Amino acid sequence: MHFFTKQLKCAFDFKGRASRQEFWLYFLCVLVAFGAACFAIMALTVSSCSVVFNDMGAQQGCGWIGVFICMILGWIGLPLLLISAGARRLHDSNKSGWWQLLLLIPPIGVLVLAVLMALPGTQGENRFGLPPNA
C-alpha cells in the first residue's frame, strides 16, 4: 500500500517521475475504491428511499440520485486523483504531462495514452529528475 499513500501525498504534485508498477497499481486502487464508493452510494440512496417511500417508483427514482452522484464523482473526482499520477508516469518516459490531452480524442487518444503509460521509463536521470526508485 506504500505506492497508494505515496501517490495520494503527491495528488497535486506534477513534478517528478512514477514507475509503471507504481502508476498502474495506484490506477487500479483508485478504480476499485471508486467502484466501492458507487456501490455504497447506490445502496444508501435506495435503502434510505425505501424507508421514506412505500412506492416502488419513488424508490427507483431515488436510485437515479445515486447514479447522478456517482457520475459527478467520476467526472470530477477521478481526473483529480489520476491527472498528476499520469503526468509523473509520462515524465518517467521523458514526455510532458500535457500528452494526457490525448484523452480528448476518445477512441484513439485513450489507446495511445495507455500505450505511453505502459512503455518502460528512461534509464537514469532525464529532464524531469531522477528515476522513481532512486
N, C-alpha and C. Protein backbone atom coordinates (compact mmCIF):
# COMPACT_ATOMS: atom_id res chain seq x y z
N MET A 1 0.82 -1.20 0.00
CA MET A 1 0.00 0.00 0.00
C MET A 1 0.86 1.26 0.00
N HIS A 2 2.17 1.10 0.08
CA HIS A 2 3.05 2.26 0.09
C HIS A 2 2.88 3.09 -1.19
N PHE A 3 2.72 2.40 -2.33
CA PHE A 3 2.55 3.11 -3.60
C PHE A 3 1.30 3.99 -3.57
N PHE A 4 0.23 3.51 -2.92
CA PHE A 4 -1.02 4.25 -2.88
C PHE A 4 -0.89 5.50 -2.01
N THR A 5 -0.32 5.35 -0.82
CA THR A 5 -0.17 6.50 0.06
C THR A 5 0.82 7.50 -0.52
N LYS A 6 1.85 7.01 -1.19
CA LYS A 6 2.82 7.91 -1.82
C LYS A 6 2.14 8.74 -2.91
N GLN A 7 1.31 8.08 -3.73
CA GLN A 7 0.62 8.80 -4.80
C GLN A 7 -0.41 9.78 -4.24
N LEU A 8 -1.10 9.41 -3.17
CA LEU A 8 -2.08 10.32 -2.56
C LEU A 8 -1.40 11.56 -1.98
N LYS A 9 -0.21 11.38 -1.40
CA LYS A 9 0.52 12.52 -0.87
C LYS A 9 0.94 13.47 -1.99
N CYS A 10 1.14 12.92 -3.18
CA CYS A 10 1.55 13.71 -4.34
C CYS A 10 0.37 14.01 -5.27
N ALA A 11 -0.84 14.01 -4.75
CA ALA A 11 -2.03 14.13 -5.58
C ALA A 11 -2.05 15.39 -6.44
N PHE A 12 -1.42 16.45 -5.99
CA PHE A 12 -1.42 17.69 -6.77
C PHE A 12 0.00 18.13 -7.10
N ASP A 13 0.92 17.17 -7.11
CA ASP A 13 2.32 17.44 -7.43
C ASP A 13 2.58 16.90 -8.83
N PHE A 14 2.88 17.79 -9.76
CA PHE A 14 3.10 17.38 -11.14
C PHE A 14 4.58 17.26 -11.47
N LYS A 15 5.43 17.28 -10.46
CA LYS A 15 6.88 17.17 -10.68
C LYS A 15 7.33 15.77 -10.31
N GLY A 16 8.41 15.34 -10.93
CA GLY A 16 8.98 14.05 -10.61
C GLY A 16 8.51 12.96 -11.55
N ARG A 17 8.80 11.74 -11.16
CA ARG A 17 8.54 10.58 -12.01
C ARG A 17 7.85 9.48 -11.22
N ALA A 18 7.10 8.63 -11.93
CA ALA A 18 6.43 7.47 -11.31
C ALA A 18 6.69 6.24 -12.17
N SER A 19 7.03 5.14 -11.54
CA SER A 19 7.30 3.90 -12.27
C SER A 19 5.99 3.31 -12.81
N ARG A 20 6.13 2.35 -13.71
CA ARG A 20 4.95 1.69 -14.27
C ARG A 20 4.15 0.99 -13.18
N GLN A 21 4.84 0.23 -12.34
CA GLN A 21 4.16 -0.51 -11.29
C GLN A 21 3.43 0.44 -10.34
N GLU A 22 4.11 1.50 -9.96
CA GLU A 22 3.53 2.48 -9.04
C GLU A 22 2.25 3.08 -9.64
N PHE A 23 2.33 3.50 -10.90
CA PHE A 23 1.18 4.13 -11.55
C PHE A 23 0.02 3.16 -11.71
N TRP A 24 0.27 1.96 -12.26
CA TRP A 24 -0.82 1.04 -12.57
C TRP A 24 -1.47 0.48 -11.32
N LEU A 25 -0.70 0.25 -10.25
CA LEU A 25 -1.30 -0.20 -9.00
C LEU A 25 -2.17 0.91 -8.39
N TYR A 26 -1.68 2.14 -8.46
CA TYR A 26 -2.47 3.27 -7.97
C TYR A 26 -3.75 3.42 -8.79
N PHE A 27 -3.64 3.32 -10.11
CA PHE A 27 -4.79 3.41 -11.01
C PHE A 27 -5.83 2.35 -10.66
N LEU A 28 -5.37 1.11 -10.44
CA LEU A 28 -6.28 0.03 -10.09
C LEU A 28 -6.94 0.28 -8.74
N CYS A 29 -6.17 0.74 -7.76
CA CYS A 29 -6.75 1.02 -6.43
C CYS A 29 -7.79 2.14 -6.50
N VAL A 30 -7.53 3.16 -7.28
CA VAL A 30 -8.48 4.26 -7.42
C VAL A 30 -9.77 3.76 -8.06
N LEU A 31 -9.66 2.93 -9.09
CA LEU A 31 -10.86 2.41 -9.74
C LEU A 31 -11.65 1.49 -8.81
N VAL A 32 -10.96 0.66 -8.05
CA VAL A 32 -11.66 -0.22 -7.10
C VAL A 32 -12.34 0.62 -6.02
N ALA A 33 -11.64 1.63 -5.52
CA ALA A 33 -12.23 2.49 -4.49
C ALA A 33 -13.43 3.25 -5.05
N PHE A 34 -13.35 3.69 -6.30
CA PHE A 34 -14.47 4.38 -6.94
C PHE A 34 -15.66 3.43 -7.08
N GLY A 35 -15.41 2.20 -7.51
CA GLY A 35 -16.49 1.22 -7.63
C GLY A 35 -17.14 0.92 -6.29
N ALA A 36 -16.32 0.78 -5.25
CA ALA A 36 -16.86 0.52 -3.92
C ALA A 36 -17.67 1.71 -3.42
N ALA A 37 -17.18 2.92 -3.68
CA ALA A 37 -17.90 4.12 -3.25
C ALA A 37 -19.24 4.23 -3.98
N CYS A 38 -19.25 3.93 -5.27
CA CYS A 38 -20.51 3.97 -6.03
C CYS A 38 -21.48 2.91 -5.54
N PHE A 39 -20.98 1.73 -5.22
CA PHE A 39 -21.84 0.68 -4.68
C PHE A 39 -22.46 1.13 -3.36
N ALA A 40 -21.65 1.72 -2.49
CA ALA A 40 -22.15 2.19 -1.19
C ALA A 40 -23.16 3.32 -1.37
N ILE A 41 -22.87 4.24 -2.29
CA ILE A 41 -23.79 5.36 -2.54
C ILE A 41 -25.13 4.84 -3.05
N MET A 42 -25.08 3.91 -4.00
CA MET A 42 -26.32 3.34 -4.54
C MET A 42 -27.10 2.61 -3.46
N ALA A 43 -26.40 1.85 -2.63
CA ALA A 43 -27.08 1.10 -1.56
C ALA A 43 -27.72 2.07 -0.57
N LEU A 44 -27.00 3.13 -0.22
CA LEU A 44 -27.54 4.10 0.74
C LEU A 44 -28.73 4.86 0.19
N THR A 45 -28.65 5.29 -1.07
CA THR A 45 -29.77 6.06 -1.62
C THR A 45 -31.02 5.19 -1.77
N VAL A 46 -30.85 3.98 -2.26
CA VAL A 46 -32.01 3.10 -2.46
C VAL A 46 -32.59 2.67 -1.12
N SER A 47 -31.73 2.30 -0.16
CA SER A 47 -32.26 1.85 1.13
C SER A 47 -32.90 2.99 1.91
N SER A 48 -32.31 4.18 1.83
CA SER A 48 -32.93 5.31 2.55
C SER A 48 -34.27 5.69 1.93
N CYS A 49 -34.37 5.58 0.62
CA CYS A 49 -35.65 5.88 -0.03
C CYS A 49 -36.69 4.82 0.25
N SER A 50 -36.26 3.57 0.44
CA SER A 50 -37.22 2.53 0.74
C SER A 50 -37.82 2.71 2.13
N VAL A 51 -37.07 3.37 3.02
CA VAL A 51 -37.59 3.67 4.35
C VAL A 51 -38.58 4.82 4.28
N VAL A 52 -38.29 5.81 3.45
CA VAL A 52 -39.12 7.01 3.37
C VAL A 52 -40.36 6.80 2.50
N PHE A 53 -40.17 6.13 1.35
CA PHE A 53 -41.28 5.96 0.40
C PHE A 53 -41.72 4.50 0.34
N ASN A 54 -43.01 4.28 0.26
CA ASN A 54 -43.54 2.94 0.08
C ASN A 54 -43.75 2.60 -1.39
N ASP A 55 -43.77 3.61 -2.23
CA ASP A 55 -44.00 3.43 -3.66
C ASP A 55 -42.71 2.96 -4.35
N MET A 56 -42.79 1.86 -5.12
CA MET A 56 -41.62 1.32 -5.80
C MET A 56 -41.07 2.29 -6.84
N GLY A 57 -41.94 3.02 -7.49
CA GLY A 57 -41.48 4.01 -8.48
C GLY A 57 -40.63 5.10 -7.85
N ALA A 58 -41.02 5.55 -6.67
CA ALA A 58 -40.23 6.56 -5.96
C ALA A 58 -38.88 5.98 -5.53
N GLN A 59 -38.86 4.72 -5.16
CA GLN A 59 -37.61 4.09 -4.77
C GLN A 59 -36.65 3.99 -5.96
N GLN A 60 -37.19 3.66 -7.12
CA GLN A 60 -36.35 3.60 -8.32
C GLN A 60 -35.86 4.98 -8.71
N GLY A 61 -36.69 5.98 -8.50
CA GLY A 61 -36.26 7.36 -8.78
C GLY A 61 -35.11 7.77 -7.89
N CYS A 62 -35.12 7.32 -6.66
CA CYS A 62 -34.02 7.62 -5.75
C CYS A 62 -32.73 6.94 -6.21
N GLY A 63 -32.85 5.81 -6.88
CA GLY A 63 -31.67 5.14 -7.43
C GLY A 63 -30.96 6.03 -8.43
N TRP A 64 -31.73 6.83 -9.17
CA TRP A 64 -31.12 7.74 -10.13
C TRP A 64 -30.34 8.85 -9.43
N ILE A 65 -30.72 9.19 -8.23
CA ILE A 65 -29.94 10.18 -7.46
C ILE A 65 -28.56 9.61 -7.18
N GLY A 66 -28.49 8.34 -6.81
CA GLY A 66 -27.20 7.68 -6.59
C GLY A 66 -26.37 7.63 -7.85
N VAL A 67 -27.02 7.34 -8.99
CA VAL A 67 -26.31 7.32 -10.27
C VAL A 67 -25.73 8.70 -10.57
N PHE A 68 -26.51 9.74 -10.33
CA PHE A 68 -26.05 11.11 -10.58
C PHE A 68 -24.84 11.45 -9.70
N ILE A 69 -24.89 11.07 -8.43
CA ILE A 69 -23.77 11.33 -7.53
C ILE A 69 -22.52 10.59 -8.01
N CYS A 70 -22.67 9.35 -8.44
CA CYS A 70 -21.52 8.58 -8.94
C CYS A 70 -20.96 9.18 -10.23
N MET A 71 -21.83 9.70 -11.08
CA MET A 71 -21.35 10.34 -12.31
C MET A 71 -20.54 11.59 -11.99
N ILE A 72 -21.01 12.39 -11.05
CA ILE A 72 -20.27 13.59 -10.65
C ILE A 72 -18.92 13.20 -10.07
N LEU A 73 -18.91 12.18 -9.21
CA LEU A 73 -17.63 11.70 -8.66
C LEU A 73 -16.70 11.23 -9.76
N GLY A 74 -17.23 10.53 -10.75
CA GLY A 74 -16.43 10.04 -11.86
C GLY A 74 -15.89 11.14 -12.74
N TRP A 75 -16.68 12.17 -12.97
CA TRP A 75 -16.24 13.26 -13.84
C TRP A 75 -15.30 14.23 -13.16
N ILE A 76 -15.44 14.38 -11.85
CA ILE A 76 -14.61 15.35 -11.13
C ILE A 76 -13.53 14.66 -10.30
N GLY A 77 -13.94 13.67 -9.52
CA GLY A 77 -13.01 13.04 -8.58
C GLY A 77 -11.92 12.21 -9.23
N LEU A 78 -12.29 11.35 -10.19
CA LEU A 78 -11.28 10.51 -10.82
C LEU A 78 -10.20 11.31 -11.54
N PRO A 79 -10.57 12.28 -12.37
CA PRO A 79 -9.49 13.06 -13.01
C PRO A 79 -8.59 13.76 -12.00
N LEU A 80 -9.16 14.28 -10.93
CA LEU A 80 -8.32 14.95 -9.93
C LEU A 80 -7.31 14.00 -9.31
N LEU A 81 -7.71 12.76 -9.09
CA LEU A 81 -6.81 11.79 -8.50
C LEU A 81 -5.80 11.21 -9.48
N LEU A 82 -6.14 11.19 -10.77
CA LEU A 82 -5.30 10.49 -11.73
C LEU A 82 -4.43 11.39 -12.61
N ILE A 83 -4.75 12.66 -12.76
CA ILE A 83 -4.00 13.51 -13.67
C ILE A 83 -2.55 13.70 -13.24
N SER A 84 -2.32 13.99 -11.98
CA SER A 84 -0.94 14.21 -11.54
C SER A 84 -0.13 12.92 -11.59
N ALA A 85 -0.74 11.79 -11.24
CA ALA A 85 -0.04 10.50 -11.33
C ALA A 85 0.28 10.18 -12.79
N GLY A 86 -0.64 10.49 -13.70
CA GLY A 86 -0.40 10.28 -15.12
C GLY A 86 0.73 11.17 -15.64
N ALA A 87 0.78 12.40 -15.17
CA ALA A 87 1.86 13.30 -15.59
C ALA A 87 3.20 12.77 -15.12
N ARG A 88 3.27 12.30 -13.88
CA ARG A 88 4.53 11.75 -13.37
C ARG A 88 4.92 10.48 -14.12
N ARG A 89 3.92 9.68 -14.52
CA ARG A 89 4.21 8.47 -15.29
C ARG A 89 4.78 8.83 -16.66
N LEU A 90 4.20 9.84 -17.30
CA LEU A 90 4.72 10.28 -18.59
C LEU A 90 6.11 10.88 -18.44
N HIS A 91 6.35 11.57 -17.34
CA HIS A 91 7.68 12.13 -17.09
C HIS A 91 8.73 11.03 -17.03
N ASP A 92 8.36 9.85 -16.57
CA ASP A 92 9.31 8.75 -16.47
C ASP A 92 9.81 8.32 -17.84
N SER A 93 8.98 8.48 -18.87
CA SER A 93 9.43 8.16 -20.23
C SER A 93 9.84 9.43 -20.98
N ASN A 94 10.17 10.48 -20.24
CA ASN A 94 10.68 11.75 -20.77
C ASN A 94 9.69 12.46 -21.68
N LYS A 95 8.40 12.35 -21.35
CA LYS A 95 7.35 13.06 -22.09
C LYS A 95 6.63 14.01 -21.15
N SER A 96 6.10 15.05 -21.72
CA SER A 96 5.38 16.05 -20.94
C SER A 96 4.03 15.49 -20.48
N GLY A 97 3.57 15.96 -19.33
CA GLY A 97 2.26 15.56 -18.83
C GLY A 97 1.12 16.05 -19.71
N TRP A 98 1.39 17.01 -20.56
CA TRP A 98 0.37 17.54 -21.46
C TRP A 98 -0.09 16.49 -22.48
N TRP A 99 0.66 15.41 -22.62
CA TRP A 99 0.24 14.33 -23.51
C TRP A 99 -1.10 13.74 -23.07
N GLN A 100 -1.50 13.98 -21.85
CA GLN A 100 -2.78 13.47 -21.36
C GLN A 100 -3.96 14.12 -22.07
N LEU A 101 -3.73 15.22 -22.75
CA LEU A 101 -4.80 15.84 -23.53
C LEU A 101 -5.27 14.93 -24.67
N LEU A 102 -4.49 13.89 -24.96
CA LEU A 102 -4.94 12.91 -25.95
C LEU A 102 -6.26 12.26 -25.54
N LEU A 103 -6.58 12.29 -24.26
CA LEU A 103 -7.85 11.72 -23.79
C LEU A 103 -9.05 12.45 -24.38
N LEU A 104 -8.83 13.64 -24.89
CA LEU A 104 -9.92 14.40 -25.51
C LEU A 104 -10.28 13.85 -26.90
N ILE A 105 -9.44 12.94 -27.41
CA ILE A 105 -9.73 12.24 -28.67
C ILE A 105 -10.13 10.82 -28.26
N PRO A 106 -11.42 10.59 -27.98
CA PRO A 106 -11.83 9.37 -27.27
C PRO A 106 -11.23 8.04 -27.69
N PRO A 107 -11.52 7.46 -28.84
CA PRO A 107 -11.03 6.09 -29.01
C PRO A 107 -9.52 6.01 -29.22
N ILE A 108 -8.99 6.85 -30.05
CA ILE A 108 -7.57 6.78 -30.40
C ILE A 108 -6.70 7.31 -29.26
N GLY A 109 -7.10 8.43 -28.68
CA GLY A 109 -6.31 9.03 -27.63
C GLY A 109 -6.15 8.15 -26.41
N VAL A 110 -7.21 7.44 -26.05
CA VAL A 110 -7.16 6.54 -24.89
C VAL A 110 -6.17 5.41 -25.16
N LEU A 111 -6.22 4.83 -26.35
CA LEU A 111 -5.29 3.75 -26.69
C LEU A 111 -3.85 4.23 -26.73
N VAL A 112 -3.61 5.36 -27.36
CA VAL A 112 -2.25 5.90 -27.45
C VAL A 112 -1.71 6.20 -26.06
N LEU A 113 -2.53 6.82 -25.21
CA LEU A 113 -2.09 7.15 -23.86
C LEU A 113 -1.84 5.89 -23.03
N ALA A 114 -2.67 4.87 -23.20
CA ALA A 114 -2.46 3.61 -22.47
C ALA A 114 -1.12 2.97 -22.88
N VAL A 115 -0.80 3.05 -24.16
CA VAL A 115 0.48 2.51 -24.63
C VAL A 115 1.63 3.33 -24.05
N LEU A 116 1.51 4.66 -24.06
CA LEU A 116 2.56 5.51 -23.50
C LEU A 116 2.77 5.23 -22.02
N MET A 117 1.69 4.98 -21.29
CA MET A 117 1.79 4.69 -19.85
C MET A 117 2.41 3.32 -19.60
N ALA A 118 2.29 2.41 -20.57
CA ALA A 118 2.81 1.05 -20.40
C ALA A 118 4.27 0.92 -20.83
N LEU A 119 4.78 1.91 -21.56
CA LEU A 119 6.17 1.84 -22.02
C LEU A 119 7.13 1.98 -20.84
N PRO A 120 8.30 1.34 -20.93
CA PRO A 120 9.27 1.50 -19.85
C PRO A 120 9.81 2.92 -19.80
N GLY A 121 10.21 3.33 -18.61
CA GLY A 121 10.76 4.67 -18.42
C GLY A 121 12.20 4.74 -18.91
N THR A 122 12.70 5.96 -19.00
CA THR A 122 14.09 6.15 -19.42
C THR A 122 15.02 5.73 -18.29
N GLN A 123 16.14 5.18 -18.66
CA GLN A 123 17.14 4.77 -17.67
C GLN A 123 17.89 6.00 -17.19
N GLY A 124 18.15 6.08 -15.93
CA GLY A 124 18.90 7.19 -15.38
C GLY A 124 18.09 8.47 -15.33
N GLU A 125 18.81 9.56 -15.14
CA GLU A 125 18.16 10.85 -14.99
C GLU A 125 17.70 11.39 -16.35
N ASN A 126 16.54 12.03 -16.38
CA ASN A 126 16.08 12.72 -17.58
C ASN A 126 15.71 14.14 -17.19
N ARG A 127 15.06 14.88 -18.08
CA ARG A 127 14.78 16.30 -17.80
C ARG A 127 13.78 16.50 -16.65
N PHE A 128 13.13 15.40 -16.20
CA PHE A 128 12.16 15.50 -15.12
C PHE A 128 12.71 15.02 -13.79
N GLY A 129 13.94 14.61 -13.76
CA GLY A 129 14.57 14.22 -12.50
C GLY A 129 15.12 12.81 -12.50
N LEU A 130 15.40 12.34 -11.29
CA LEU A 130 15.95 11.01 -11.10
C LEU A 130 14.88 9.94 -11.30
N PRO A 131 15.29 8.69 -11.57
CA PRO A 131 14.30 7.62 -11.66
C PRO A 131 13.48 7.49 -10.38
N PRO A 132 12.25 6.95 -10.49
CA PRO A 132 11.36 6.91 -9.33
C PRO A 132 11.92 6.13 -8.14
N ASN A 133 12.71 5.12 -8.38
CA ASN A 133 13.21 4.29 -7.28
C ASN A 133 14.58 4.72 -6.81
N ALA A 134 15.05 5.84 -7.27
CA ALA A 134 16.40 6.30 -6.89
C ALA A 134 16.38 7.01 -5.55
